[in-house]
């Protein structure tokens, strides 16, 4: 991808910390996902995002499941839900999707927030055919895309698109990492609503997410998405020491210890990592971004 980020940048605000709080996950989000229709839930998502991530105000939000051919072409779409945009817009998208040069980067980097401005300035973006024939007529301007894998599907993906209003850009302080962090629980909510997981599994996922910090979440995402775990490689990618990586994993392990069976005192040092991978394997749907990250956190 053309744009690299050098740090995990998440403001330590009360709002974003509430994203993975027990109150929000196990009460507000869970109840909304269970009790509200798809159309009502996406409105709940838009409203919640505004509260959870100050400065991020997507005027238009859409969620869909898309089938993509091996060469990246759009084959089919289903389960389209949106806020502030007519669903008929998706029919127009089908006509011009081959000129959308942002989506291929999102599709090939699951779980990564991809801005249309990662690859060109807004002035250059306004000169593209995709903007002139699709975005501009609909009153859309800056966009952020996130694409997620679906379980047991090789060519289907869940796609989130956040758009600002006409002529408006998102707050410059809002980072990719923050958008990924606040979107993660909503992705699992949509998996539940679209029938990819049952209610018990959905609740368990929310319980395991509860209380995680951004760095903990991103380290776990890395752990379950790499083929062979090496402390040194993870530490190098996040630019923190191996000891700090171990401390993060030890803290997470302590949070789920009550879920684990007792082991003999001679247990392997690798056992905690095995347990973390087993319990957080659902994070493999969020991908492991190739973009460079470190564990520096903005105050």
C-alpha atoms as a PDB file:
ATOM      1  CA  UNK A   1       0.000   0.000   0.000  1.00  0.00           C
ATOM      2  CA  UNK A   2       1.112   3.506  -0.659  1.00  0.00           C
ATOM      3  CA  UNK A   3       0.620   4.928   2.815  1.00  0.00           C
ATOM      4  CA  UNK A   4       2.503   3.655   5.852  1.00  0.00           C
ATOM      5  CA  UNK A   5       1.821   4.593   9.438  1.00  0.00           C
ATOM      6  CA  UNK A   6       4.614   4.675  11.931  1.00  0.00           C
ATOM      7  CA  UNK A   7       2.641   4.329  15.167  1.00  0.00           C
ATOM      8  CA  UNK A   8      -0.478   2.921  16.732  1.00  0.00           C
ATOM      9  CA  UNK A   9      -2.104   6.251  17.367  1.00  0.00           C
ATOM     10  CA  UNK A  10      -5.087   6.181  19.690  1.00  0.00           C
ATOM     11  CA  UNK A  11      -5.986   9.075  21.942  1.00  0.00           C
ATOM     12  CA  UNK A  12      -6.504   8.102  25.576  1.00  0.00           C
ATOM     13  CA  UNK A  13      -9.938   9.678  25.716  1.00  0.00           C
ATOM     14  CA  UNK A  14     -12.822   8.428  27.821  1.00  0.00           C
ATOM     15  CA  UNK A  15     -14.879   8.057  24.660  1.00  0.00           C
ATOM     16  CA  UNK A  16     -12.671   5.647  22.760  1.00  0.00           C
ATOM     17  CA  UNK A  17     -11.880   3.636  25.908  1.00  0.00           C
ATOM     18  CA  UNK A  18     -15.641   3.110  26.249  1.00  0.00           C
ATOM     19  CA  UNK A  19     -15.648   1.202  22.956  1.00  0.00           C
ATOM     20  CA  UNK A  20     -14.643  -2.070  24.613  1.00  0.00           C
ATOM     21  CA  UNK A  21     -16.216  -1.394  27.991  1.00  0.00           C
ATOM     22  CA  UNK A  22     -18.579  -3.947  29.492  1.00  0.00           C
ATOM     23  CA  UNK A  23     -21.431  -1.432  29.514  1.00  0.00           C
ATOM     24  CA  UNK A  24     -21.138  -0.653  25.816  1.00  0.00           C
ATOM     25  CA  UNK A  25     -20.345  -4.146  24.514  1.00  0.00           C
ATOM     26  CA  UNK A  26     -22.536  -6.348  26.707  1.00  0.00           C
ATOM     27  CA  UNK A  27     -25.448  -3.979  27.156  1.00  0.00           C
ATOM     28  CA  UNK A  28     -25.752  -1.280  24.519  1.00  0.00           C
ATOM     29  CA  UNK A  29     -24.217  -3.022  21.499  1.00  0.00           C
ATOM     30  CA  UNK A  30     -25.475  -6.511  22.302  1.00  0.00           C
ATOM     31  CA  UNK A  31     -29.047  -5.404  22.967  1.00  0.00           C
ATOM     32  CA  UNK A  32     -29.127  -3.227  19.847  1.00  0.00           C
ATOM     33  CA  UNK A  33     -27.835  -6.079  17.671  1.00  0.00           C
ATOM     34  CA  UNK A  34     -30.344  -8.562  19.108  1.00  0.00           C
ATOM     35  CA  UNK A  35     -33.429  -6.354  19.257  1.00  0.00           C
ATOM     36  CA  UNK A  36     -33.125  -3.906  16.368  1.00  0.00           C
ATOM     37  CA  UNK A  37     -33.682  -4.497  12.672  1.00  0.00           C
ATOM     38  CA  UNK A  38     -30.744  -4.154  10.286  1.00  0.00           C
ATOM     39  CA  UNK A  39     -31.946  -0.701   9.222  1.00  0.00           C
ATOM     40  CA  UNK A  40     -32.275   0.412  12.843  1.00  0.00           C
ATOM     41  CA  UNK A  41     -28.944  -1.091  13.845  1.00  0.00           C
ATOM     42  CA  UNK A  42     -26.925   0.753  11.219  1.00  0.00           C
ATOM     43  CA  UNK A  43     -28.394   4.018  12.504  1.00  0.00           C
ATOM     44  CA  UNK A  44     -27.360   2.947  16.011  1.00  0.00           C
ATOM     45  CA  UNK A  45     -23.857   2.300  14.664  1.00  0.00           C
ATOM     46  CA  UNK A  46     -23.601   5.764  13.115  1.00  0.00           C
ATOM     47  CA  UNK A  47     -24.774   7.420  16.328  1.00  0.00           C
ATOM     48  CA  UNK A  48     -22.450   5.333  18.512  1.00  0.00           C
ATOM     49  CA  UNK A  49     -19.421   6.075  16.346  1.00  0.00           C
ATOM     50  CA  UNK A  50     -19.948   9.799  16.801  1.00  0.00           C
ATOM     51  CA  UNK A  51     -19.866   9.335  20.574  1.00  0.00           C
ATOM     52  CA  UNK A  52     -17.041   6.808  20.702  1.00  0.00           C
ATOM     53  CA  UNK A  53     -14.665   8.643  18.375  1.00  0.00           C
ATOM     54  CA  UNK A  54     -14.992  12.430  18.622  1.00  0.00           C
ATOM     55  CA  UNK A  55     -14.195  14.123  15.321  1.00  0.00           C
ATOM     56  CA  UNK A  56     -15.334  11.123  13.281  1.00  0.00           C
ATOM     57  CA  UNK A  57     -18.734  11.986  11.853  1.00  0.00           C
ATOM     58  CA  UNK A  58     -19.603   9.810   8.844  1.00  0.00           C
ATOM     59  CA  UNK A  59     -22.621  11.413   7.215  1.00  0.00           C
ATOM     60  CA  UNK A  60     -23.014   8.296   5.086  1.00  0.00           C
ATOM     61  CA  UNK A  61     -22.401   4.757   6.323  1.00  0.00           C
ATOM     62  CA  UNK A  62     -22.949   1.567   4.362  1.00  0.00           C
ATOM     63  CA  UNK A  63     -22.410  -2.118   5.121  1.00  0.00           C
ATOM     64  CA  UNK A  64     -22.631  -4.896   2.572  1.00  0.00           C
ATOM     65  CA  UNK A  65     -21.471  -8.407   1.821  1.00  0.00           C
ATOM     66  CA  UNK A  66     -19.711  -8.655  -1.527  1.00  0.00           C
ATOM     67  CA  UNK A  67     -18.428 -11.536  -3.578  1.00  0.00           C
ATOM     68  CA  UNK A  68     -15.132 -10.745  -5.252  1.00  0.00           C
ATOM     69  CA  UNK A  69     -13.512 -12.796  -7.990  1.00  0.00           C
ATOM     70  CA  UNK A  70      -9.877 -13.906  -7.582  1.00  0.00           C
ATOM     71  CA  UNK A  71      -8.778 -11.002  -9.801  1.00  0.00           C
ATOM     72  CA  UNK A  72     -10.631  -8.485  -7.623  1.00  0.00           C
ATOM     73  CA  UNK A  73     -13.739  -7.893  -9.732  1.00  0.00           C
ATOM     74  CA  UNK A  74     -17.148  -7.432  -8.089  1.00  0.00           C
ATOM     75  CA  UNK A  75     -19.277 -10.513  -8.756  1.00  0.00           C
ATOM     76  CA  UNK A  76     -22.304  -9.990  -6.514  1.00  0.00           C
ATOM     77  CA  UNK A  77     -23.510  -8.104  -3.463  1.00  0.00           C
ATOM     78  CA  UNK A  78     -26.060  -8.804  -0.763  1.00  0.00           C
ATOM     79  CA  UNK A  79     -27.259  -7.605   2.638  1.00  0.00           C
ATOM     80  CA  UNK A  80     -26.727  -3.943   1.743  1.00  0.00           C
ATOM     81  CA  UNK A  81     -27.653  -1.528   4.546  1.00  0.00           C
ATOM     82  CA  UNK A  82     -26.981   2.189   4.614  1.00  0.00           C
ATOM     83  CA  UNK A  83     -27.588   5.498   6.356  1.00  0.00           C
ATOM     84  CA  UNK A  84     -28.240   8.685   4.382  1.00  0.00           C
ATOM     85  CA  UNK A  85     -27.817   7.125   0.963  1.00  0.00           C
ATOM     86  CA  UNK A  86     -30.414   5.479  -1.243  1.00  0.00           C
ATOM     87  CA  UNK A  87     -29.723   1.744  -1.705  1.00  0.00           C
ATOM     88  CA  UNK A  88     -30.178   2.316  -5.429  1.00  0.00           C
ATOM     89  CA  UNK A  89     -26.748   3.943  -5.269  1.00  0.00           C
ATOM     90  CA  UNK A  90     -25.268   0.467  -5.108  1.00  0.00           C
ATOM     91  CA  UNK A  91     -26.680  -0.237  -8.576  1.00  0.00           C
ATOM     92  CA  UNK A  92     -24.788   2.793  -9.821  1.00  0.00           C
ATOM     93  CA  UNK A  93     -21.658   1.529  -8.067  1.00  0.00           C
ATOM     94  CA  UNK A  94     -21.855  -1.705 -10.025  1.00  0.00           C
ATOM     95  CA  UNK A  95     -21.539   0.331 -13.211  1.00  0.00           C
ATOM     96  CA  UNK A  96     -18.414   2.207 -12.149  1.00  0.00           C
ATOM     97  CA  UNK A  97     -16.742  -0.092  -9.609  1.00  0.00           C
ATOM     98  CA  UNK A  98     -13.937  -0.887 -12.047  1.00  0.00           C
ATOM     99  CA  UNK A  99     -12.796   2.745 -11.733  1.00  0.00           C
ATOM    100  CA  UNK A 100     -12.655   2.553  -7.913  1.00  0.00           C
ATOM    101  CA  UNK A 101      -8.927   2.252  -7.278  1.00  0.00           C
ATOM    102  CA  UNK A 102      -9.300   2.467  -3.483  1.00  0.00           C
ATOM    103  CA  UNK A 103     -11.325  -0.697  -2.924  1.00  0.00           C
ATOM    104  CA  UNK A 104      -8.634  -3.115  -4.228  1.00  0.00           C
ATOM    105  CA  UNK A 105      -6.292  -1.863  -1.490  1.00  0.00           C
ATOM    106  CA  UNK A 106      -8.989  -2.401   1.128  1.00  0.00           C
ATOM    107  CA  UNK A 107      -9.891  -5.841  -0.215  1.00  0.00           C
ATOM    108  CA  UNK A 108      -6.251  -6.974  -0.141  1.00  0.00           C
ATOM    109  CA  UNK A 109      -5.649  -5.623   3.399  1.00  0.00           C
ATOM    110  CA  UNK A 110      -8.486  -6.984   5.558  1.00  0.00           C
ATOM    111  CA  UNK A 111      -9.252  -4.977   8.666  1.00  0.00           C
ATOM    112  CA  UNK A 112      -7.207  -1.959   7.565  1.00  0.00           C
ATOM    113  CA  UNK A 113      -8.861   1.455   7.386  1.00  0.00           C
ATOM    114  CA  UNK A 114      -8.076   2.747   3.905  1.00  0.00           C
ATOM    115  CA  UNK A 115      -8.688   6.409   3.102  1.00  0.00           C
ATOM    116  CA  UNK A 116      -9.176   7.598  -0.452  1.00  0.00           C
ATOM    117  CA  UNK A 117      -6.539  10.210   0.423  1.00  0.00           C
ATOM    118  CA  UNK A 118      -3.924   7.536   1.139  1.00  0.00           C
ATOM    119  CA  UNK A 119      -3.005   7.563  -2.543  1.00  0.00           C
ATOM    120  CA  UNK A 120      -3.769  11.042  -3.856  1.00  0.00           C
ATOM    121  CA  UNK A 121      -4.689  14.480  -2.613  1.00  0.00           C
ATOM    122  CA  UNK A 122      -8.322  15.576  -2.431  1.00  0.00           C
ATOM    123  CA  UNK A 123      -7.783  17.742  -5.496  1.00  0.00           C
ATOM    124  CA  UNK A 124      -6.461  14.749  -7.423  1.00  0.00           C
ATOM    125  CA  UNK A 125      -9.316  12.626  -6.077  1.00  0.00           C
ATOM    126  CA  UNK A 126     -11.849  15.114  -7.451  1.00  0.00           C
ATOM    127  CA  UNK A 127     -10.367  14.614 -10.920  1.00  0.00           C
ATOM    128  CA  UNK A 128     -10.992  10.856 -10.952  1.00  0.00           C
ATOM    129  CA  UNK A 129     -13.812   9.351 -12.952  1.00  0.00           C
ATOM    130  CA  UNK A 130     -15.021   7.462  -9.887  1.00  0.00           C
ATOM    131  CA  UNK A 131     -15.486  10.682  -7.926  1.00  0.00           C
ATOM    132  CA  UNK A 132     -17.083  12.593 -10.781  1.00  0.00           C
ATOM    133  CA  UNK A 133     -19.511   9.861 -11.853  1.00  0.00           C
ATOM    134  CA  UNK A 134     -20.314   8.245  -8.506  1.00  0.00           C
ATOM    135  CA  UNK A 135     -19.265  10.137  -5.383  1.00  0.00           C
ATOM    136  CA  UNK A 136     -19.943  13.735  -6.408  1.00  0.00           C
ATOM    137  CA  UNK A 137     -23.506  13.221  -7.721  1.00  0.00           C
ATOM    138  CA  UNK A 138     -24.374  11.580  -4.380  1.00  0.00           C
ATOM    139  CA  UNK A 139     -22.888  14.403  -2.331  1.00  0.00           C
ATOM    140  CA  UNK A 140     -19.996  12.292  -1.021  1.00  0.00           C
ATOM    141  CA  UNK A 141     -16.451  13.513  -0.528  1.00  0.00           C
ATOM    142  CA  UNK A 142     -13.856  11.832   1.703  1.00  0.00           C
ATOM    143  CA  UNK A 143     -14.166   8.091   2.276  1.00  0.00           C
ATOM    144  CA  UNK A 144     -12.772   5.381   4.550  1.00  0.00           C
ATOM    145  CA  UNK A 145     -13.129   1.709   3.626  1.00  0.00           C
ATOM    146  CA  UNK A 146     -12.701  -1.399   5.770  1.00  0.00           C
ATOM    147  CA  UNK A 147     -13.058  -4.894   4.372  1.00  0.00           C
ATOM    148  CA  UNK A 148     -13.285  -8.043   6.502  1.00  0.00           C
ATOM    149  CA  UNK A 149     -13.104 -11.718   5.710  1.00  0.00           C
ATOM    150  CA  UNK A 150     -16.195 -13.840   6.275  1.00  0.00           C
ATOM    151  CA  UNK A 151     -15.881 -17.233   7.990  1.00  0.00           C
ATOM    152  CA  UNK A 152     -15.884 -20.270   5.711  1.00  0.00           C
ATOM    153  CA  UNK A 153     -16.036 -18.090   2.580  1.00  0.00           C
ATOM    154  CA  UNK A 154     -13.140 -17.684   0.184  1.00  0.00           C
ATOM    155  CA  UNK A 155     -14.487 -14.938  -2.052  1.00  0.00           C
ATOM    156  CA  UNK A 156     -17.015 -13.119   0.157  1.00  0.00           C
ATOM    157  CA  UNK A 157     -16.154 -10.113   2.259  1.00  0.00           C
ATOM    158  CA  UNK A 158     -17.959  -7.666   4.521  1.00  0.00           C
ATOM    159  CA  UNK A 159     -17.377  -4.099   3.442  1.00  0.00           C
ATOM    160  CA  UNK A 160     -17.820  -0.949   5.542  1.00  0.00           C
ATOM    161  CA  UNK A 161     -17.745   2.440   3.819  1.00  0.00           C
ATOM    162  CA  UNK A 162     -17.741   5.688   5.786  1.00  0.00           C
ATOM    163  CA  UNK A 163     -18.262   8.880   3.766  1.00  0.00           C
ATOM    164  CA  UNK A 164     -18.128  12.506   4.805  1.00  0.00           C
ATOM    165  CA  UNK A 165     -20.679  14.980   3.506  1.00  0.00           C
ATOM    166  CA  UNK A 166     -20.324  17.069   0.363  1.00  0.00           C
ATOM    167  CA  UNK A 167     -17.170  19.177   0.461  1.00  0.00           C
ATOM    168  CA  UNK A 168     -16.316  18.040   3.995  1.00  0.00           C
ATOM    169  CA  UNK A 169     -13.299  16.093   5.234  1.00  0.00           C
ATOM    170  CA  UNK A 170     -12.980  14.024   8.387  1.00  0.00           C
ATOM    171  CA  UNK A 171     -11.111  15.574  11.285  1.00  0.00           C
ATOM    172  CA  UNK A 172      -7.364  15.258  10.674  1.00  0.00           C
ATOM    173  CA  UNK A 173      -6.844  14.024  14.236  1.00  0.00           C
ATOM    174  CA  UNK A 174      -8.816  10.837  13.551  1.00  0.00           C
ATOM    175  CA  UNK A 175      -6.402   8.013  12.779  1.00  0.00           C
ATOM    176  CA  UNK A 176      -6.653   4.703  10.979  1.00  0.00           C
ATOM    177  CA  UNK A 177      -6.023   2.848  14.221  1.00  0.00           C
ATOM    178  CA  UNK A 178      -8.894   4.583  15.975  1.00  0.00           C
ATOM    179  CA  UNK A 179     -11.292   3.772  13.142  1.00  0.00           C
ATOM    180  CA  UNK A 180     -10.197   0.122  13.142  1.00  0.00           C
ATOM    181  CA  UNK A 181     -10.538  -0.060  16.918  1.00  0.00           C
ATOM    182  CA  UNK A 182     -14.086   1.335  17.063  1.00  0.00           C
ATOM    183  CA  UNK A 183     -15.263  -0.628  14.012  1.00  0.00           C
ATOM    184  CA  UNK A 184     -14.133  -4.053  15.263  1.00  0.00           C
ATOM    185  CA  UNK A 185     -17.075  -4.812  17.612  1.00  0.00           C
ATOM    186  CA  UNK A 186     -19.564  -3.636  14.970  1.00  0.00           C
ATOM    187  CA  UNK A 187     -18.086  -6.091  12.484  1.00  0.00           C
ATOM    188  CA  UNK A 188     -18.894  -8.965  14.844  1.00  0.00           C
ATOM    189  CA  UNK A 189     -22.344  -7.519  15.461  1.00  0.00           C
ATOM    190  CA  UNK A 190     -23.027  -7.658  11.729  1.00  0.00           C
ATOM    191  CA  UNK A 191     -21.700 -11.222  11.546  1.00  0.00           C
ATOM    192  CA  UNK A 192     -24.336 -12.078  14.145  1.00  0.00           C
ATOM    193  CA  UNK A 193     -27.108 -10.141  12.437  1.00  0.00           C
ATOM    194  CA  UNK A 194     -26.347 -11.701   9.057  1.00  0.00           C
ATOM    195  CA  UNK A 195     -26.367 -15.216  10.474  1.00  0.00           C
ATOM    196  CA  UNK A 196     -22.651 -16.003  10.449  1.00  0.00           C
ATOM    197  CA  UNK A 197     -22.594 -16.631  14.222  1.00  0.00           C
ATOM    198  CA  UNK A 198     -25.273 -17.464  16.762  1.00  0.00           C
ATOM    199  CA  UNK A 199     -26.203 -15.379  19.788  1.00  0.00           C
ATOM    200  CA  UNK A 200     -24.094 -17.394  22.249  1.00  0.00           C
ATOM    201  CA  UNK A 201     -20.972 -17.074  20.101  1.00  0.00           C
ATOM    202  CA  UNK A 202     -21.615 -13.353  19.627  1.00  0.00           C
ATOM    203  CA  UNK A 203     -21.900 -12.806  23.369  1.00  0.00           C
ATOM    204  CA  UNK A 204     -18.694 -14.783  23.964  1.00  0.00           C
ATOM    205  CA  UNK A 205     -16.807 -12.643  21.442  1.00  0.00           C
ATOM    206  CA  UNK A 206     -17.996  -9.474  23.167  1.00  0.00           C
ATOM    207  CA  UNK A 207     -16.981 -10.848  26.564  1.00  0.00           C
ATOM    208  CA  UNK A 208     -13.474 -11.607  25.291  1.00  0.00           C
ATOM    209  CA  UNK A 209     -13.157  -8.126  23.768  1.00  0.00           C
ATOM    210  CA  UNK A 210     -14.274  -6.442  26.979  1.00  0.00           C
ATOM    211  CA  UNK A 211     -11.610  -4.324  28.610  1.00  0.00           C
ATOM    212  CA  UNK A 212      -8.918  -4.707  25.945  1.00  0.00           C
ATOM    213  CA  UNK A 213      -6.824  -1.651  25.181  1.00  0.00           C
ATOM    214  CA  UNK A 214      -6.049  -0.705  21.575  1.00  0.00           C
ATOM    215  CA  UNK A 215      -2.503  -2.058  21.779  1.00  0.00           C
ATOM    216  CA  UNK A 216      -3.731  -5.307  23.362  1.00  0.00           C
ATOM    217  CA  UNK A 217      -6.288  -5.728  20.593  1.00  0.00           C
ATOM    218  CA  UNK A 218      -3.759  -5.073  17.841  1.00  0.00           C
ATOM    219  CA  UNK A 219      -1.173  -7.406  19.401  1.00  0.00           C
ATOM    220  CA  UNK A 220      -3.770 -10.182  19.643  1.00  0.00           C
ATOM    221  CA  UNK A 221      -4.781  -9.551  16.039  1.00  0.00           C
ATOM    222  CA  UNK A 222      -1.151  -9.956  15.036  1.00  0.00           C
ATOM    223  CA  UNK A 223      -0.751 -13.110  17.140  1.00  0.00           C
ATOM    224  CA  UNK A 224      -3.661 -14.982  15.572  1.00  0.00           C
ATOM    225  CA  UNK A 225      -2.884 -13.894  12.000  1.00  0.00           C
ATOM    226  CA  UNK A 226       0.796 -14.796  11.699  1.00  0.00           C
ATOM    227  CA  UNK A 227       1.727 -18.345  10.615  1.00  0.00           C
ATOM    228  CA  UNK A 228       4.555 -18.766  13.142  1.00  0.00           C
ATOM    229  CA  UNK A 229       4.781 -16.696  16.315  1.00  0.00           C
ATOM    230  CA  UNK A 230       8.155 -15.195  17.126  1.00  0.00           C
ATOM    231  CA  UNK A 231       8.378 -12.725  19.969  1.00  0.00           C
ATOM    232  CA  UNK A 232      11.205 -10.876  18.261  1.00  0.00           C
ATOM    233  CA  UNK A 233       9.329 -10.364  14.996  1.00  0.00           C
ATOM    234  CA  UNK A 234       6.209  -9.091  16.760  1.00  0.00           C
ATOM    235  CA  UNK A 235       8.299  -6.783  18.947  1.00  0.00           C
ATOM    236  CA  UNK A 236      10.125  -5.485  15.887  1.00  0.00           C
ATOM    237  CA  UNK A 237       6.937  -4.800  13.971  1.00  0.00           C
ATOM    238  CA  UNK A 238       5.400  -2.906  16.888  1.00  0.00           C
ATOM    239  CA  UNK A 239       8.767  -1.360  17.814  1.00  0.00           C
ATOM    240  CA  UNK A 240       8.581  -2.319  21.441  1.00  0.00           C
ATOM    241  CA  UNK A 241      10.734  -4.702  23.459  1.00  0.00           C
ATOM    242  CA  UNK A 242      10.006  -8.402  23.694  1.00  0.00           C
ATOM    243  CA  UNK A 243       9.528  -7.963  27.436  1.00  0.00           C
ATOM    244  CA  UNK A 244       6.753  -5.423  26.841  1.00  0.00           C
ATOM    245  CA  UNK A 245       5.077  -7.779  24.350  1.00  0.00           C
ATOM    246  CA  UNK A 246       5.202 -10.547  26.963  1.00  0.00           C
ATOM    247  CA  UNK A 247       3.710  -8.234  29.574  1.00  0.00           C
ATOM    248  CA  UNK A 248       0.802  -7.344  27.316  1.00  0.00           C
ATOM    249  CA  UNK A 249       0.046 -11.004  26.603  1.00  0.00           C
ATOM    250  CA  UNK A 250       0.417 -11.918  30.268  1.00  0.00           C
ATOM    251  CA  UNK A 251      -2.108  -9.249  31.233  1.00  0.00           C
ATOM    252  CA  UNK A 252      -4.596 -10.478  28.640  1.00  0.00           C
ATOM    253  CA  UNK A 253      -4.030 -14.060  29.765  1.00  0.00           C
ATOM    254  CA  UNK A 254      -4.834 -12.999  33.311  1.00  0.00           C
ATOM    255  CA  UNK A 255      -8.134 -11.529  32.135  1.00  0.00           C
ATOM    256  CA  UNK A 256      -9.275 -14.857  30.662  1.00  0.00           C
ATOM    257  CA  UNK A 257      -7.665 -17.151  33.259  1.00  0.00           C
ATOM    258  CA  UNK A 258     -11.060 -17.986  34.760  1.00  0.00           C
ATOM    259  CA  UNK A 259     -12.050 -19.551  31.427  1.00  0.00           C
ATOM    260  CA  UNK A 260      -9.098 -21.937  31.366  1.00  0.00           C
ATOM    261  CA  UNK A 261      -8.624 -25.396  32.887  1.00  0.00           C
ATOM    262  CA  UNK A 262      -5.998 -25.851  35.585  1.00  0.00           C
ATOM    263  CA  UNK A 263      -2.671 -27.229  34.422  1.00  0.00           C
ATOM    264  CA  UNK A 264       0.200 -29.017  36.136  1.00  0.00           C
ATOM    265  CA  UNK A 265       2.878 -26.683  37.492  1.00  0.00           C
ATOM    266  CA  UNK A 266       5.285 -27.962  34.826  1.00  0.00           C
ATOM    267  CA  UNK A 267       3.211 -26.521  32.006  1.00  0.00           C
ATOM    268  CA  UNK A 268       5.042 -25.280  28.941  1.00  0.00           C
ATOM    269  CA  UNK A 269       5.881 -21.596  28.659  1.00  0.00           C
ATOM    270  CA  UNK A 270       4.070 -21.666  25.313  1.00  0.00           C
ATOM    271  CA  UNK A 271       0.780 -22.773  26.873  1.00  0.00           C
ATOM    272  CA  UNK A 272      -0.518 -19.231  27.585  1.00  0.00           C
ATOM    273  CA  UNK A 273       0.069 -18.231  23.958  1.00  0.00           C
ATOM    274  CA  UNK A 274      -1.736 -21.347  22.769  1.00  0.00           C
ATOM    275  CA  UNK A 275      -4.681 -20.427  24.985  1.00  0.00           C
ATOM    276  CA  UNK A 276      -4.710 -16.853  23.693  1.00  0.00           C
ATOM    277  CA  UNK A 277      -4.696 -18.038  20.074  1.00  0.00           C
ATOM    278  CA  UNK A 278      -7.473 -20.509  20.805  1.00  0.00           C
ATOM    279  CA  UNK A 279      -9.730 -18.016  22.556  1.00  0.00           C
ATOM    280  CA  UNK A 280      -9.046 -15.061  20.271  1.00  0.00           C
ATOM    281  CA  UNK A 281      -8.940 -16.966  16.985  1.00  0.00           C
ATOM    282  CA  UNK A 282     -12.018 -14.998  15.892  1.00  0.00           C
ATOM    283  CA  UNK A 283      -9.689 -12.021  15.356  1.00  0.00           C
ATOM    284  CA  UNK A 284      -8.256 -13.737  12.295  1.00  0.00           C
ATOM    285  CA  UNK A 285     -11.217 -12.241  10.423  1.00  0.00           C
ATOM    286  CA  UNK A 286      -9.785  -8.774  11.041  1.00  0.00           C
ATOM    287  CA  UNK A 287      -6.527  -9.480   9.235  1.00  0.00           C
ATOM    288  CA  UNK A 288      -2.974  -8.456  10.077  1.00  0.00           C
ATOM    289  CA  UNK A 289      -2.284  -5.147   8.305  1.00  0.00           C
ATOM    290  CA  UNK A 290       0.912  -4.994   6.339  1.00  0.00           C
ATOM    291  CA  UNK A 291       1.249  -1.325   7.164  1.00  0.00           C
ATOM    292  CA  UNK A 292       4.075  -0.632   9.611  1.00  0.00           C
ATOM    293  CA  UNK A 293       2.843  -0.024  13.142  1.00  0.00           C
ATOM    294  CA  UNK A 294       4.406   0.620  16.527  1.00  0.00           C
ATOM    295  CA  UNK A 295       2.942   0.642  19.979  1.00  0.00           C
ATOM    296  CA  UNK A 296       3.456   4.338  20.675  1.00  0.00           C
ATOM    297  CA  UNK A 297       0.184   5.769  21.966  1.00  0.00           C
ATOM    298  CA  UNK A 298      -0.794   9.413  21.660  1.00  0.00           C
ATOM    299  CA  UNK A 299      -1.815  11.074  24.875  1.00  0.00           C
END
